[in-house]
Structure formats: C-alpha cells, structure tokens
Amino acid sequence: MRLRLPGRLAVELDEYRGLYVQAHGHEIDLAALIEGILEQFLASDRFFQRRQRSIPAAPSDAEPKTP
C-alpha cells in the first residue's frame, strides 16, 4: 500500500518516529510504526470493536474442508 500524507502530518509522523527511537533505543521502519499505530487505534475504537464482535467469524482456510 502506498500512502501520501499531507505535509504537517508527514512531519509529525517523522517526529514521532524520532521519539520512538529515543524511548526504545532502536530504529523502526516507518511501515512497521504506522502498522502499530493503526492496530492500536482500531483496538481502542469501541464502536469498531463492538461491530466486529457482532459479525460472525468467517471460516478459516486452515480448517479441514468436508467433501
């Protein structure tokens, strides 16, 4: 996925990545950082979580299929 961010948001994300490096002592790939931010956002969105719980789970490809 490609993502183009508006100027100020791109700058703030880069600043956030810098703070991450200071706090954790190691570099992080920008894609991995964005993935973590989005996961946390979705996990904290109560409406989204409630909606997800109300949708029946789709069968997994790992489950054996009966003929």
Protein backbone atom coordinates (compact mmCIF):
# COMPACT_ATOMS: atom_id res chain seq x y z
CA MET A 1 0.00 0.00 0.00
CA ARG A 2 1.24 3.45 -0.82
CA LEU A 3 0.25 6.36 1.32
CA ARG A 4 0.73 10.06 0.73
CA LEU A 5 0.42 12.20 3.84
CA PRO A 6 -0.22 15.94 3.98
CA GLY A 7 2.92 17.93 4.84
CA ARG A 8 2.25 18.58 8.52
CA LEU A 9 1.14 15.02 9.22
CA ALA A 10 4.24 13.65 7.49
CA VAL A 11 6.44 15.92 9.62
CA GLU A 12 4.67 14.89 12.84
CA LEU A 13 4.94 11.21 11.97
CA ASP A 14 8.68 11.64 11.40
CA GLU A 15 8.96 13.45 14.74
CA TYR A 16 7.01 10.62 16.39
CA ARG A 17 9.41 8.10 14.89
CA GLY A 18 12.32 10.09 16.34
CA LEU A 19 10.72 9.99 19.78
CA TYR A 20 10.17 6.25 19.38
CA VAL A 21 13.88 5.79 18.69
CA GLN A 22 14.78 7.84 21.79
CA ALA A 23 12.35 5.91 24.00
CA HIS A 24 13.13 2.41 22.74
CA GLY A 25 16.77 2.76 21.72
CA HIS A 26 16.42 1.34 18.22
CA GLU A 27 15.24 2.37 14.77
CA ILE A 28 11.85 1.32 13.45
CA ASP A 29 10.73 1.03 9.87
CA LEU A 30 8.09 3.64 9.06
CA ALA A 31 5.70 0.97 7.74
CA ALA A 32 6.03 -1.00 11.00
CA LEU A 33 5.43 2.16 13.02
CA ILE A 34 2.29 3.02 11.05
CA GLU A 35 1.06 -0.57 11.37
CA GLY A 36 1.43 -0.41 15.15
CA ILE A 37 -0.36 2.94 15.34
CA LEU A 38 -3.26 1.67 13.23
CA GLU A 39 -3.55 -1.57 15.23
CA GLN A 40 -3.71 0.42 18.46
CA PHE A 41 -6.24 2.84 17.00
CA LEU A 42 -8.55 0.05 15.82
CA ALA A 43 -8.20 -1.81 19.13
CA SER A 44 -9.20 1.32 21.04
CA ASP A 45 -12.20 2.23 18.85
CA ARG A 46 -15.17 0.96 20.88
CA PHE A 47 -17.70 1.27 18.07
CA PHE A 48 -15.47 -0.67 15.68
CA GLN A 49 -14.78 -3.39 18.26
CA ARG A 50 -18.48 -3.74 19.08
CA ARG A 51 -19.27 -4.04 15.39
CA GLN A 52 -16.53 -6.62 14.85
CA ARG A 53 -17.87 -8.77 17.70
CA SER A 54 -21.35 -8.71 16.15
CA ILE A 55 -20.16 -10.10 12.80
CA PRO A 56 -19.93 -13.93 12.68
CA ALA A 57 -16.39 -15.18 12.15
CA ALA A 58 -15.58 -16.36 8.65
CA PRO A 59 -14.37 -19.95 8.34
CA SER A 60 -10.60 -20.23 8.40
CA ASP A 61 -8.67 -21.63 5.46
CA ALA A 62 -6.77 -23.72 8.00
CA GLU A 63 -9.89 -25.69 8.91
CA PRO A 64 -10.28 -29.00 7.09
CA LYS A 65 -12.96 -28.93 4.43
CA THR A 66 -15.53 -31.70 4.33
CA PRO A 67 -16.30 -33.22 0.92
